PDB file of N, CA and C in Angstrom:
ATOM      1  N   MET A   1      21.202 122.718  52.313  1.00  0.00           N
ATOM      2  CA  MET A   1      20.670 123.186  50.934  1.00  0.00           C
ATOM      3  C   MET A   1      20.975 122.510  49.621  1.00  0.00           C
ATOM      4  N   ASN A   2      19.741 122.339  48.819  1.00  0.00           N
ATOM      5  CA  ASN A   2      19.384 121.896  47.788  1.00  0.00           C
ATOM      6  C   ASN A   2      19.318 122.500  46.624  1.00  0.00           C
ATOM      7  N   SER A   3      19.982 122.584  45.416  1.00  0.00           N
ATOM      8  CA  SER A   3      19.244 123.330  44.486  1.00  0.00           C
ATOM      9  C   SER A   3      19.316 122.547  43.289  1.00  0.00           C
ATOM     10  N   ILE A   4      18.911 122.908  41.898  1.00  0.00           N
ATOM     11  CA  ILE A   4      18.955 122.328  40.840  1.00  0.00           C
ATOM     12  C   ILE A   4      20.140 122.669  40.018  1.00  0.00           C
ATOM     13  N   GLY A   5      20.970 121.586  39.623  1.00  0.00           N
ATOM     14  CA  GLY A   5      22.100 122.036  39.089  1.00  0.00           C
ATOM     15  C   GLY A   5      21.799 122.964  37.651  1.00  0.00           C
ATOM     16  N   PHE A   6      22.878 123.522  37.594  1.00  0.00           N
ATOM     17  CA  PHE A   6      22.506 124.053  36.353  1.00  0.00           C
ATOM     18  C   PHE A   6      24.138 124.613  35.786  1.00  0.00           C
ATOM     19  N   PRO A   7      24.200 124.454  34.500  1.00  0.00           N
ATOM     20  CA  PRO A   7      23.283 124.231  33.215  1.00  0.00           C
ATOM     21  C   PRO A   7      22.874 122.873  32.858  1.00  0.00           C
ATOM     22  N   GLU A   8      23.445 122.022  33.577  1.00  0.00           N
ATOM     23  CA  GLU A   8      23.177 120.422  33.265  1.00  0.00           C
ATOM     24  C   GLU A   8      22.100 120.059  34.216  1.00  0.00           C
ATOM     25  N   MET A   9      20.659 120.234  33.828  1.00  0.00           N
ATOM     26  CA  MET A   9      19.812 119.942  34.967  1.00  0.00           C
ATOM     27  C   MET A   9      19.296 118.686  35.171  1.00  0.00           C
ATOM     28  N   PHE A  10      19.486 117.949  33.743  1.00  0.00           N
ATOM     29  CA  PHE A  10      19.213 116.648  33.587  1.00  0.00           C
ATOM     30  C   PHE A  10      19.982 115.661  33.396  1.00  0.00           C
ATOM     31  N   LYS A  11      19.937 114.603  34.265  1.00  0.00           N
ATOM     32  CA  LYS A  11      20.798 113.457  33.804  1.00  0.00           C
ATOM     33  C   LYS A  11      20.049 112.043  33.264  1.00  0.00           C
ATOM     34  N   SER A  12      20.111 111.757  32.167  1.00  0.00           N
ATOM     35  CA  SER A  12      19.032 110.562  32.014  1.00  0.00           C
ATOM     36  C   SER A  12      17.526 110.756  31.979  1.00  0.00           C
ATOM     37  N   SER A  13      17.217 110.216  33.190  1.00  0.00           N
ATOM     38  CA  SER A  13      15.914 110.227  33.480  1.00  0.00           C
ATOM     39  C   SER A  13      15.696 111.152  34.892  1.00  0.00           C
ATOM     40  N   ALA A  14      16.590 111.637  35.278  1.00  0.00           N
ATOM     41  CA  ALA A  14      16.497 111.916  36.558  1.00  0.00           C
ATOM     42  C   ALA A  14      17.125 113.671  36.784  1.00  0.00           C
ATOM     43  N   THR A  15      16.479 114.370  37.784  1.00  0.00           N
ATOM     44  CA  THR A  15      17.184 115.820  37.932  1.00  0.00           C
ATOM     45  C   THR A  15      18.307 115.864  38.812  1.00  0.00           C
ATOM     46  N   LEU A  16      19.434 116.470  37.979  1.00  0.00           N
ATOM     47  CA  LEU A  16      20.564 116.814  38.671  1.00  0.00           C
ATOM     48  C   LEU A  16      20.297 117.902  40.242  1.00  0.00           C
ATOM     49  N   VAL A  17      20.651 117.290  41.337  1.00  0.00           N
ATOM     50  CA  VAL A  17      20.302 118.283  42.370  1.00  0.00           C
ATOM     51  C   VAL A  17      22.257 118.291  42.968  1.00  0.00           C
ATOM     52  N   VAL A  18      22.209 119.676  43.147  1.00  0.00           N
ATOM     53  CA  VAL A  18      23.374 119.784  43.884  1.00  0.00           C
ATOM     54  C   VAL A  18      23.335 120.508  45.418  1.00  0.00           C
ATOM     55  N   LYS A  19      24.381 120.517  46.339  1.00  0.00           N
ATOM     56  CA  LYS A  19      24.015 120.261  47.531  1.00  0.00           C
ATOM     57  C   LYS A  19      25.354 121.173  48.036  1.00  0.00           C
ATOM     58  N   ASP A  20      25.073 121.872  49.253  1.00  0.00           N
ATOM     59  CA  ASP A  20      25.748 122.712  50.164  1.00  0.00           C
ATOM     60  C   ASP A  20      26.580 123.825  49.562  1.00  0.00           C
ATOM     61  N   ARG A  21      27.767 123.604  49.474  1.00  0.00           N
ATOM     62  CA  ARG A  21      28.338 125.387  49.040  1.00  0.00           C
ATOM     63  C   ARG A  21      28.315 125.658  47.597  1.00  0.00           C
ATOM     64  N   GLU A  22      28.164 124.264  46.802  1.00  0.00           N
ATOM     65  CA  GLU A  22      27.996 124.391  45.435  1.00  0.00           C
ATOM     66  C   GLU A  22      26.510 124.781  44.987  1.00  0.00           C
ATOM     67  N   ALA A  23      25.725 124.640  45.951  1.00  0.00           N
ATOM     68  CA  ALA A  23      24.285 125.255  45.757  1.00  0.00           C
ATOM     69  C   ALA A  23      24.028 126.656  46.294  1.00  0.00           C
ATOM     70  N   SER A  24      24.687 127.063  47.018  1.00  0.00           N
ATOM     71  CA  SER A  24      25.029 128.513  47.452  1.00  0.00           C
ATOM     72  C   SER A  24      25.539 129.410  46.568  1.00  0.00           C
ATOM     73  N   LEU A  25      26.401 128.802  45.855  1.00  0.00           N
ATOM     74  CA  LEU A  25      27.215 129.439  44.731  1.00  0.00           C
ATOM     75  C   LEU A  25      26.613 129.627  43.678  1.00  0.00           C
ATOM     76  N   GLN A  26      25.797 128.593  43.230  1.00  0.00           N
ATOM     77  CA  GLN A  26      24.888 128.481  41.891  1.00  0.00           C
ATOM     78  C   GLN A  26      23.724 129.773  42.316  1.00  0.00           C
ATOM     79  N   ASP A  27      23.326 129.780  43.663  1.00  0.00           N
ATOM     80  CA  ASP A  27      22.168 130.617  43.939  1.00  0.00           C
ATOM     81  C   ASP A  27      22.510 131.908  43.589  1.00  0.00           C
ATOM     82  N   LEU A  28      23.968 132.184  44.363  1.00  0.00           N
ATOM     83  CA  LEU A  28      24.332 133.965  44.046  1.00  0.00           C
ATOM     84  C   LEU A  28      24.763 133.751  42.387  1.00  0.00           C
ATOM     85  N   GLN A  29      25.453 132.935  41.879  1.00  0.00           N
ATOM     86  CA  GLN A  29      25.266 133.521  40.424  1.00  0.00           C
ATOM     87  C   GLN A  29      23.928 133.605  39.564  1.00  0.00           C
ATOM     88  N   LEU A  30      23.013 132.837  40.070  1.00  0.00           N
ATOM     89  CA  LEU A  30      21.760 133.055  39.424  1.00  0.00           C
ATOM     90  C   LEU A  30      21.014 134.475  39.762  1.00  0.00           C
ATOM     91  N   LEU A  31      21.589 134.994  41.173  1.00  0.00           N
ATOM     92  CA  LEU A  31      20.810 136.319  41.447  1.00  0.00           C
ATOM     93  C   LEU A  31      21.480 137.404  40.850  1.00  0.00           C
ATOM     94  N   LEU A  32      22.872 137.345  40.554  1.00  0.00           N
ATOM     95  CA  LEU A  32      23.836 138.314  40.398  1.00  0.00           C
ATOM     96  C   LEU A  32      23.672 138.450  38.770  1.00  0.00           C
ATOM     97  N   ALA A  33      23.377 137.298  38.176  1.00  0.00           N
ATOM     98  CA  ALA A  33      23.022 137.395  37.048  1.00  0.00           C
ATOM     99  C   ALA A  33      21.720 137.899  36.155  1.00  0.00           C
ATOM    100  N   SER A  34      21.050 137.647  36.998  1.00  0.00           N
ATOM    101  CA  SER A  34      19.558 138.135  36.653  1.00  0.00           C
ATOM    102  C   SER A  34      19.260 139.815  36.739  1.00  0.00           C
ATOM    103  N   GLU A  35      18.503 140.384  36.056  1.00  0.00           N
ATOM    104  CA  GLU A  35      18.003 141.818  36.096  1.00  0.00           C
ATOM    105  C   GLU A  35      17.275 141.706  36.640  1.00  0.00           C
ATOM    106  N   LYS A  36      16.675 142.791  37.624  1.00  0.00           N
ATOM    107  CA  LYS A  36      15.472 143.074  38.234  1.00  0.00           C
ATOM    108  C   LYS A  36      14.589 143.163  37.001  1.00  0.00           C
ATOM    109  N   GLY A  37      13.084 142.450  37.729  1.00  0.00           N
ATOM    110  CA  GLY A  37      12.267 141.895  36.632  1.00  0.00           C
ATOM    111  C   GLY A  37      12.123 141.006  35.516  1.00  0.00           C
ATOM    112  N   GLU A  38      13.203 140.367  35.172  1.00  0.00           N
ATOM    113  CA  GLU A  38      13.503 139.482  34.596  1.00  0.00           C
ATOM    114  C   GLU A  38      12.789 137.842  34.983  1.00  0.00           C
ATOM    115  N   LEU A  39      12.895 137.704  36.270  1.00  0.00           N
ATOM    116  CA  LEU A  39      12.171 136.498  36.685  1.00  0.00           C
ATOM    117  C   LEU A  39      10.542 136.476  36.814  1.00  0.00           C
ATOM    118  N   PHE A  40       9.710 136.198  35.776  1.00  0.00           N
ATOM    119  CA  PHE A  40       8.574 135.681  35.812  1.00  0.00           C
ATOM    120  C   PHE A  40       8.139 135.354  37.220  1.00  0.00           C
ATOM    121  N   GLY A  41       7.199 136.231  37.876  1.00  0.00           N
ATOM    122  CA  GLY A  41       6.382 135.939  39.001  1.00  0.00           C
ATOM    123  C   GLY A  41       7.246 136.238  40.071  1.00  0.00           C
ATOM    124  N   ASP A  42       8.390 136.697  40.205  1.00  0.00           N
ATOM    125  CA  ASP A  42       9.046 137.655  41.251  1.00  0.00           C
ATOM    126  C   ASP A  42       9.753 138.918  40.644  1.00  0.00           C
ATOM    127  N   PRO A  43       9.038 140.064  40.337  1.00  0.00           N
ATOM    128  CA  PRO A  43      10.099 140.995  39.655  1.00  0.00           C
ATOM    129  C   PRO A  43      11.089 141.718  40.758  1.00  0.00           C
ATOM    130  N   PHE A  44      11.131 141.370  41.723  1.00  0.00           N
ATOM    131  CA  PHE A  44      12.129 141.984  42.692  1.00  0.00           C
ATOM    132  C   PHE A  44      13.695 141.289  42.634  1.00  0.00           C
ATOM    133  N   PHE A  45      13.484 140.061  42.218  1.00  0.00           N
ATOM    134  CA  PHE A  45      14.673 139.343  42.079  1.00  0.00           C
ATOM    135  C   PHE A  45      15.740 139.483  41.137  1.00  0.00           C
ATOM    136  N   GLY A  46      16.876 139.871  41.618  1.00  0.00           N
ATOM    137  CA  GLY A  46      18.031 140.117  40.665  1.00  0.00           C
ATOM    138  C   GLY A  46      18.619 141.642  41.231  1.00  0.00           C
ATOM    139  N   VAL A  47      19.565 141.920  40.505  1.00  0.00           N
ATOM    140  CA  VAL A  47      20.414 143.054  40.634  1.00  0.00           C
ATOM    141  C   VAL A  47      20.313 144.149  39.523  1.00  0.00           C
ATOM    142  N   ARG A  48      20.157 145.329  39.713  1.00  0.00           N
ATOM    143  CA  ARG A  48      20.136 146.214  38.402  1.00  0.00           C
ATOM    144  C   ARG A  48      21.489 146.587  37.765  1.00  0.00           C
ATOM    145  N   VAL A  49      22.479 145.644  37.345  1.00  0.00           N
ATOM    146  CA  VAL A  49      23.841 145.789  36.981  1.00  0.00           C
ATOM    147  C   VAL A  49      23.537 146.496  35.547  1.00  0.00           C
ATOM    148  N   LYS A  50      22.862 146.224  34.774  1.00  0.00           N
ATOM    149  CA  LYS A  50      22.629 146.775  33.212  1.00  0.00           C
ATOM    150  C   LYS A  50      22.198 148.311  33.265  1.00  0.00           C
ATOM    151  N   LYS A  51      21.273 148.203  34.231  1.00  0.00           N
ATOM    152  CA  LYS A  51      20.922 150.170  34.747  1.00  0.00           C
ATOM    153  C   LYS A  51      22.198 150.726  34.520  1.00  0.00           C
ATOM    154  N   TYR A  52      22.862 150.360  35.612  1.00  0.00           N
ATOM    155  CA  TYR A  52      24.311 151.141  35.989  1.00  0.00           C
ATOM    156  C   TYR A  52      25.691 150.822  34.923  1.00  0.00           C
ATOM    157  N   THR A  53      25.226 150.110  33.939  1.00  0.00           N
ATOM    158  CA  THR A  53      26.483 149.783  33.145  1.00  0.00           C
ATOM    159  C   THR A  53      27.313 151.155  32.323  1.00  0.00           C
ATOM    160  N   PHE A  54      26.351 151.516  31.889  1.00  0.00           N
ATOM    161  CA  PHE A  54      27.107 152.899  30.931  1.00  0.00           C
ATOM    162  C   PHE A  54      27.137 154.092  31.460  1.00  0.00           C
ATOM    163  N   ASN A  55      26.838 154.106  33.082  1.00  0.00           N
ATOM    164  CA  ASN A  55      26.876 155.731  33.522  1.00  0.00           C
ATOM    165  C   ASN A  55      28.316 156.050  34.025  1.00  0.00           C
ATOM    166  N   GLN A  56      28.822 157.120  34.247  1.00  0.00           N
ATOM    167  CA  GLN A  56      29.722 157.780  34.532  1.00  0.00           C
ATOM    168  C   GLN A  56      30.514 156.629  35.878  1.00  0.00           C
ATOM    169  N   ASN A  57      31.811 156.464  35.833  1.00  0.00           N
ATOM    170  CA  ASN A  57      31.947 155.535  36.728  1.00  0.00           C
ATOM    171  C   ASN A  57      32.948 156.021  37.641  1.00  0.00           C
ATOM    172  N   ASN A  58      32.110 155.939  39.041  1.00  0.00           N
ATOM    173  CA  ASN A  58      32.830 156.746  40.023  1.00  0.00           C
ATOM    174  C   ASN A  58      32.486 155.909  41.697  1.00  0.00           C
ATOM    175  N   TYR A  59      33.037 156.378  42.716  1.00  0.00           N
ATOM    176  CA  TYR A  59      32.668 155.569  43.965  1.00  0.00           C
ATOM    177  C   TYR A  59      31.492 155.543  44.123  1.00  0.00           C
ATOM    178  N   VAL A  60      30.296 156.476  43.756  1.00  0.00           N
ATOM    179  CA  VAL A  60      28.794 156.524  44.103  1.00  0.00           C
ATOM    180  C   VAL A  60      28.201 155.634  43.582  1.00  0.00           C
ATOM    181  N   LEU A  61      28.422 155.114  42.084  1.00  0.00           N
ATOM    182  CA  LEU A  61      27.766 154.341  41.541  1.00  0.00           C
ATOM    183  C   LEU A  61      28.127 152.957  41.918  1.00  0.00           C
ATOM    184  N   ARG A  62      29.685 152.915  42.357  1.00  0.00           N
ATOM    185  CA  ARG A  62      30.068 151.800  42.813  1.00  0.00           C
ATOM    186  C   ARG A  62      29.103 151.465  44.464  1.00  0.00           C
ATOM    187  N   ASP A  63      28.974 152.308  45.410  1.00  0.00           N
ATOM    188  CA  ASP A  63      28.563 152.021  46.535  1.00  0.00           C
ATOM    189  C   ASP A  63      27.085 151.745  46.368  1.00  0.00           C
ATOM    190  N   ILE A  64      26.393 152.540  45.535  1.00  0.00           N
ATOM    191  CA  ILE A  64      25.009 151.912  44.867  1.00  0.00           C
ATOM    192  C   ILE A  64      24.927 150.674  44.773  1.00  0.00           C
ATOM    193  N   LEU A  65      25.841 150.022  43.806  1.00  0.00           N
ATOM    194  CA  LEU A  65      25.806 148.628  43.184  1.00  0.00           C
ATOM    195  C   LEU A  65      26.165 147.994  44.355  1.00  0.00           C
ATOM    196  N   VAL A  66      27.162 148.046  45.313  1.00  0.00           N
ATOM    197  CA  VAL A  66      27.271 147.291  46.573  1.00  0.00           C
ATOM    198  C   VAL A  66      26.035 147.311  47.537  1.00  0.00           C
ATOM    199  N   ASP A  67      25.203 148.522  47.501  1.00  0.00           N
ATOM    200  CA  ASP A  67      24.303 148.352  48.333  1.00  0.00           C
ATOM    201  C   ASP A  67      23.360 147.324  48.016  1.00  0.00           C
ATOM    202  N   GLU A  68      22.767 147.649  46.681  1.00  0.00           N
ATOM    203  CA  GLU A  68      21.988 146.798  45.770  1.00  0.00           C
ATOM    204  C   GLU A  68      22.340 145.200  46.185  1.00  0.00           C
ATOM    205  N   ILE A  69      23.556 144.901  45.625  1.00  0.00           N
ATOM    206  CA  ILE A  69      23.780 143.399  46.066  1.00  0.00           C
ATOM    207  C   ILE A  69      23.725 142.721  47.379  1.00  0.00           C
ATOM    208  N   PHE A  70      24.296 143.803  48.311  1.00  0.00           N
ATOM    209  CA  PHE A  70      24.187 143.226  49.884  1.00  0.00           C
ATOM    210  C   PHE A  70      22.388 143.151  50.115  1.00  0.00           C
ATOM    211  N   THR A  71      21.667 144.141  49.761  1.00  0.00           N
ATOM    212  CA  THR A  71      20.177 143.926  49.899  1.00  0.00           C
ATOM    213  C   THR A  71      19.581 142.651  49.405  1.00  0.00           C
ATOM    214  N   GLN A  72      20.139 142.464  48.350  1.00  0.00           N
ATOM    215  CA  GLN A  72      19.586 141.096  47.638  1.00  0.00           C
ATOM    216  C   GLN A  72      20.288 139.846  47.727  1.00  0.00           C
ATOM    217  N   VAL A  73      21.580 139.712  48.738  1.00  0.00           N
ATOM    218  CA  VAL A  73      21.774 138.605  49.081  1.00  0.00           C
ATOM    219  C   VAL A  73      21.224 138.725  50.183  1.00  0.00           C
ATOM    220  N   LYS A  74      20.866 139.586  51.245  1.00  0.00           N
ATOM    221  CA  LYS A  74      20.078 139.087  52.287  1.00  0.00           C
ATOM    222  C   LYS A  74      19.000 138.991  52.516  1.00  0.00           C
ATOM    223  N   VAL A  75      17.946 138.961  51.327  1.00  0.00           N
ATOM    224  CA  VAL A  75      16.827 138.918  50.866  1.00  0.00           C
ATOM    225  C   VAL A  75      16.407 137.376  50.148  1.00  0.00           C
ATOM    226  N   PHE A  76      17.491 137.501  49.168  1.00  0.00           N
ATOM    227  CA  PHE A  76      17.172 136.148  48.439  1.00  0.00           C
ATOM    228  C   PHE A  76      18.055 135.017  48.407  1.00  0.00           C
ATOM    229  N   ALA A  77      19.472 135.083  49.410  1.00  0.00           N
ATOM    230  CA  ALA A  77      20.225 134.174  49.868  1.00  0.00           C
ATOM    231  C   ALA A  77      20.283 134.078  51.073  1.00  0.00           C
ATOM    232  N   PRO A  78      19.142 133.597  51.913  1.00  0.00           N
ATOM    233  CA  PRO A  78      19.463 133.667  53.291  1.00  0.00           C
ATOM    234  C   PRO A  78      20.543 132.770  54.069  1.00  0.00           C
ATOM    235  N   GLN A  79      20.851 131.771  53.341  1.00  0.00           N
ATOM    236  CA  GLN A  79      21.979 130.530  53.695  1.00  0.00           C
ATOM    237  C   GLN A  79      23.323 131.018  53.920  1.00  0.00           C
ATOM    238  N   ILE A  80      23.435 132.528  53.186  1.00  0.00           N
ATOM    239  CA  ILE A  80      25.105 133.211  53.534  1.00  0.00           C
ATOM    240  C   ILE A  80      24.565 134.330  54.192  1.00  0.00           C
ATOM    241  N   THR A  81      25.308 134.692  55.481  1.00  0.00           N
ATOM    242  CA  THR A  81      25.314 135.640  56.105  1.00  0.00           C
ATOM    243  C   THR A  81      26.698 136.561  55.599  1.00  0.00           C
ATOM    244  N   VAL A  82      26.142 137.679  55.169  1.00  0.00           N
ATOM    245  CA  VAL A  82      27.243 138.702  54.785  1.00  0.00           C
ATOM    246  C   VAL A  82      26.942 139.965  55.071  1.00  0.00           C
ATOM    247  N   SER A  83      28.296 140.674  55.194  1.00  0.00           N
ATOM    248  CA  SER A  83      28.339 142.325  55.577  1.00  0.00           C
ATOM    249  C   SER A  83      28.440 143.154  54.547  1.00  0.00           C
ATOM    250  N   ARG A  84      28.214 144.233  54.660  1.00  0.00           N
ATOM    251  CA  ARG A  84      28.217 145.365  53.532  1.00  0.00           C
ATOM    252  C   ARG A  84      29.902 145.367  53.067  1.00  0.00           C
ATOM    253  N   ASP A  85      30.591 145.552  54.279  1.00  0.00           N
ATOM    254  CA  ASP A  85      31.852 145.829  54.148  1.00  0.00           C
ATOM    255  C   ASP A  85      32.796 144.508  53.416  1.00  0.00           C
ATOM    256  N   ASP A  86      32.114 143.468  53.035  1.00  0.00           N
ATOM    257  CA  ASP A  86      32.839 142.529  52.645  1.00  0.00           C
ATOM    258  C   ASP A  86      32.528 142.203  51.287  1.00  0.00           C
ATOM    259  N   ILE A  87      31.320 143.137  50.714  1.00  0.00           N
ATOM    260  CA  ILE A  87      31.162 143.057  49.172  1.00  0.00           C
ATOM    261  C   ILE A  87      32.274 144.092  48.287  1.00  0.00           C
ATOM    262  N   LYS A  88      33.238 143.532  47.621  1.00  0.00           N
ATOM    263  CA  LYS A  88      34.072 144.064  46.879  1.00  0.00           C
ATOM    264  C   LYS A  88      33.819 143.982  45.288  1.00  0.00           C
ATOM    265  N   ILE A  89      34.051 145.514  44.744  1.00  0.00           N
ATOM    266  CA  ILE A  89      33.503 145.637  43.294  1.00  0.00           C
ATOM    267  C   ILE A  89      35.072 145.835  42.758  1.00  0.00           C
ATOM    268  N   ILE A  90      35.733 144.937  41.633  1.00  0.00           N
ATOM    269  CA  ILE A  90      36.629 145.038  41.056  1.00  0.00           C
ATOM    270  C   ILE A  90      36.397 145.089  39.646  1.00  0.00           C
ATOM    271  N   GLN A  91      37.103 146.296  39.044  1.00  0.00           N
ATOM    272  CA  GLN A  91      36.937 146.554  37.312  1.00  0.00           C
ATOM    273  C   GLN A  91      38.481 146.104  36.716  1.00  0.00           C
ATOM    274  N   THR A  92      38.397 145.503  35.767  1.00  0.00           N
ATOM    275  CA  THR A  92      39.923 145.162  35.124  1.00  0.00           C
ATOM    276  C   THR A  92      39.191 145.066  33.732  1.00  0.00           C
ATOM    277  N   GLY A  93      39.529 146.241  32.942  1.00  0.00           N
ATOM    278  CA  GLY A  93      39.239 146.165  31.930  1.00  0.00           C
ATOM    279  C   GLY A  93      37.744 146.641  31.579  1.00  0.00           C
ATOM    280  N   ASN A  94      37.133 145.464  30.779  1.00  0.00           N
ATOM    281  CA  ASN A  94      35.720 145.705  30.488  1.00  0.00           C
ATOM    282  C   ASN A  94      34.817 144.775  31.448  1.00  0.00           C
ATOM    283  N   THR A  95      35.553 144.085  32.471  1.00  0.00           N
ATOM    284  CA  THR A  95      34.930 143.075  33.297  1.00  0.00           C
ATOM    285  C   THR A  95      34.904 143.669  34.547  1.00  0.00           C
ATOM    286  N   LEU A  96      33.641 143.301  35.054  1.00  0.00           N
ATOM    287  CA  LEU A  96      33.111 143.827  36.419  1.00  0.00           C
ATOM    288  C   LEU A  96      32.867 142.659  37.272  1.00  0.00           C
ATOM    289  N   VAL A  97      33.821 142.497  38.318  1.00  0.00           N
ATOM    290  CA  VAL A  97      33.749 141.164  39.150  1.00  0.00           C
ATOM    291  C   VAL A  97      33.329 141.636  40.611  1.00  0.00           C
ATOM    292  N   THR A  98      32.681 140.897  41.198  1.00  0.00           N
ATOM    293  CA  THR A  98      32.295 141.160  42.786  1.00  0.00           C
ATOM    294  C   THR A  98      32.968 139.810  43.503  1.00  0.00           C
ATOM    295  N   ASN A  99      34.064 140.620  44.557  1.00  0.00           N
ATOM    296  CA  ASN A  99      34.117 139.247  45.589  1.00  0.00           C
ATOM    297  C   ASN A  99      33.037 139.596  47.104  1.00  0.00           C
ATOM    298  N   ILE A 100      32.587 138.247  47.255  1.00  0.00           N
ATOM    299  CA  ILE A 100      31.952 138.354  48.317  1.00  0.00           C
ATOM    300  C   ILE A 100      32.330 137.373  49.335  1.00  0.00           C
ATOM    301  N   LYS A 101      32.422 137.993  50.554  1.00  0.00           N
ATOM    302  CA  LYS A 101      32.867 136.935  51.579  1.00  0.00           C
ATOM    303  C   LYS A 101      31.849 136.973  52.804  1.00  0.00           C
ATOM    304  N   GLY A 102      31.285 135.610  52.697  1.00  0.00           N
ATOM    305  CA  GLY A 102      30.244 135.228  53.661  1.00  0.00           C
ATOM    306  C   GLY A 102      30.423 134.251  54.414  1.00  0.00           C
ATOM    307  N   ILE A 103      29.794 133.950  55.414  1.00  0.00           N
ATOM    308  CA  ILE A 103      29.775 133.164  56.174  1.00  0.00           C
ATOM    309  C   ILE A 103      28.468 132.038  55.967  1.00  0.00           C
ATOM    310  N   ASN A 104      28.752 130.798  55.584  1.00  0.00           N
ATOM    311  CA  ASN A 104      27.601 129.977  54.922  1.00  0.00           C
ATOM    312  C   ASN A 104      27.017 129.069  56.165  1.00  0.00           C
ATOM    313  N   LYS A 105      25.850 129.579  56.344  1.00  0.00           N
ATOM    314  CA  LYS A 105      25.084 129.013  57.498  1.00  0.00           C
ATOM    315  C   LYS A 105      24.794 127.627  57.801  1.00  0.00           C
ATOM    316  N   LEU A 106      25.356 126.649  56.853  1.00  0.00           N
ATOM    317  CA  LEU A 106      25.336 125.368  56.836  1.00  0.00           C
ATOM    318  C   LEU A 106      26.367 124.689  57.871  1.00  0.00           C
ATOM    319  N   ASP A 107      27.732 125.371  57.573  1.00  0.00           N
ATOM    320  CA  ASP A 107      28.387 124.755  58.809  1.00  0.00           C
ATOM    321  C   ASP A 107      29.173 126.042  59.429  1.00  0.00           C
ATOM    322  N   PHE A 108      28.849 126.979  58.944  1.00  0.00           N
ATOM    323  CA  PHE A 108      29.447 128.350  59.513  1.00  0.00           C
ATOM    324  C   PHE A 108      31.024 128.520  59.558  1.00  0.00           C
ATOM    325  N   THR A 109      31.292 128.213  58.155  1.00  0.00           N
ATOM    326  CA  THR A 109      32.518 128.314  57.420  1.00  0.00           C
ATOM    327  C   THR A 109      32.612 129.757  56.891  1.00  0.00           C
ATOM    328  N   THR A 110      33.876 130.327  56.660  1.00  0.00           N
ATOM    329  CA  THR A 110      33.868 131.557  55.818  1.00  0.00           C
ATOM    330  C   THR A 110      34.020 131.275  54.483  1.00  0.00           C
ATOM    331  N   ASP A 111      33.091 131.498  53.577  1.00  0.00           N
ATOM    332  CA  ASP A 111      33.608 131.279  52.134  1.00  0.00           C
ATOM    333  C   ASP A 111      33.990 132.452  51.090  1.00  0.00           C
ATOM    334  N   MET A 112      34.772 132.482  50.281  1.00  0.00           N
ATOM    335  CA  MET A 112      34.762 133.628  49.608  1.00  0.00           C
ATOM    336  C   MET A 112      34.349 133.091  47.862  1.00  0.00           C
ATOM    337  N   TYR A 113      33.252 134.093  47.523  1.00  0.00           N
ATOM    338  CA  TYR A 113      32.944 133.697  46.314  1.00  0.00           C
ATOM    339  C   TYR A 113      33.192 135.122  45.437  1.00  0.00           C
ATOM    340  N   GLN A 114      33.933 134.514  44.144  1.00  0.00           N
ATOM    341  CA  GLN A 114      34.276 135.471  43.191  1.00  0.00           C
ATOM    342  C   GLN A 114      33.181 135.388  41.853  1.00  0.00           C
ATOM    343  N   LEU A 115      32.360 136.358  41.518  1.00  0.00           N
ATOM    344  CA  LEU A 115      31.270 136.112  40.598  1.00  0.00           C
ATOM    345  C   LEU A 115      31.810 137.274  39.447  1.00  0.00           C
ATOM    346  N   GLU A 116      31.541 137.149  38.366  1.00  0.00           N
ATOM    347  CA  GLU A 116      31.655 138.191  37.486  1.00  0.00           C
ATOM    348  C   GLU A 116      30.155 138.697  36.982  1.00  0.00           C
ATOM    349  N   LEU A 117      30.002 140.083  37.361  1.00  0.00           N
ATOM    350  CA  LEU A 117      29.085 140.772  37.267  1.00  0.00           C
ATOM    351  C   LEU A 117      28.849 141.109  35.473  1.00  0.00           C
ATOM    352  N   PHE A 118      29.697 141.272  34.847  1.00  0.00           N
ATOM    353  CA  PHE A 118      29.359 142.102  33.442  1.00  0.00           C
ATOM    354  C   PHE A 118      30.844 141.671  32.742  1.00  0.00           C
ATOM    355  N   ASN A 119      30.677 141.467  31.426  1.00  0.00           N
ATOM    356  CA  ASN A 119      32.080 141.307  30.702  1.00  0.00           C
ATOM    357  C   ASN A 119      31.648 141.860  29.125  1.00  0.00           C
ATOM    358  N   ASP A 120      32.245 142.953  28.932  1.00  0.00           N
ATOM    359  CA  ASP A 120      31.701 143.446  27.525  1.00  0.00           C
ATOM    360  C   ASP A 120      32.699 142.677  26.304  1.00  0.00           C
ATOM    361  N   GLU A 121      33.481 142.163  26.748  1.00  0.00           N
ATOM    362  CA  GLU A 121      34.180 141.308  25.647  1.00  0.00           C
ATOM    363  C   GLU A 121      33.453 140.204  25.024  1.00  0.00           C
ATOM    364  N   GLU A 122      32.554 139.577  25.634  1.00  0.00           N
ATOM    365  CA  GLU A 122      31.824 138.846  25.275  1.00  0.00           C
ATOM    366  C   GLU A 122      30.574 138.941  24.237  1.00  0.00           C
ATOM    367  N   ARG A 123      30.476 140.275  23.976  1.00  0.00           N
ATOM    368  CA  ARG A 123      29.619 140.521  22.817  1.00  0.00           C
ATOM    369  C   ARG A 123      30.223 140.512  21.497  1.00  0.00           C
TER     370      ARG A 123
END
């Protein structure tokens, strides 16, 4: 699996390409950092984190967000096999973090991805 390096995409006159696990991590970061409808050409790409951000925080909302992350990873990151039970959402203060345990189909090893979904302190 190859992916264009982000945020440093260009190195002198060549395009920086990342491979394997780093590419999978960047793909997940892009998927979870994008809101649905933001990507021109594919209105279904992304996760609706902003929609649920200021709703009442309870277990139902957390399950809805886990379901959406699970569905989007299945559709847009096919190089990672993930189970719904392997997606955990943790809130510490104003930061919302997700832990995703998945099997990378490149070499069938289990990887743990910890990605920040929302950080209100950055505002």
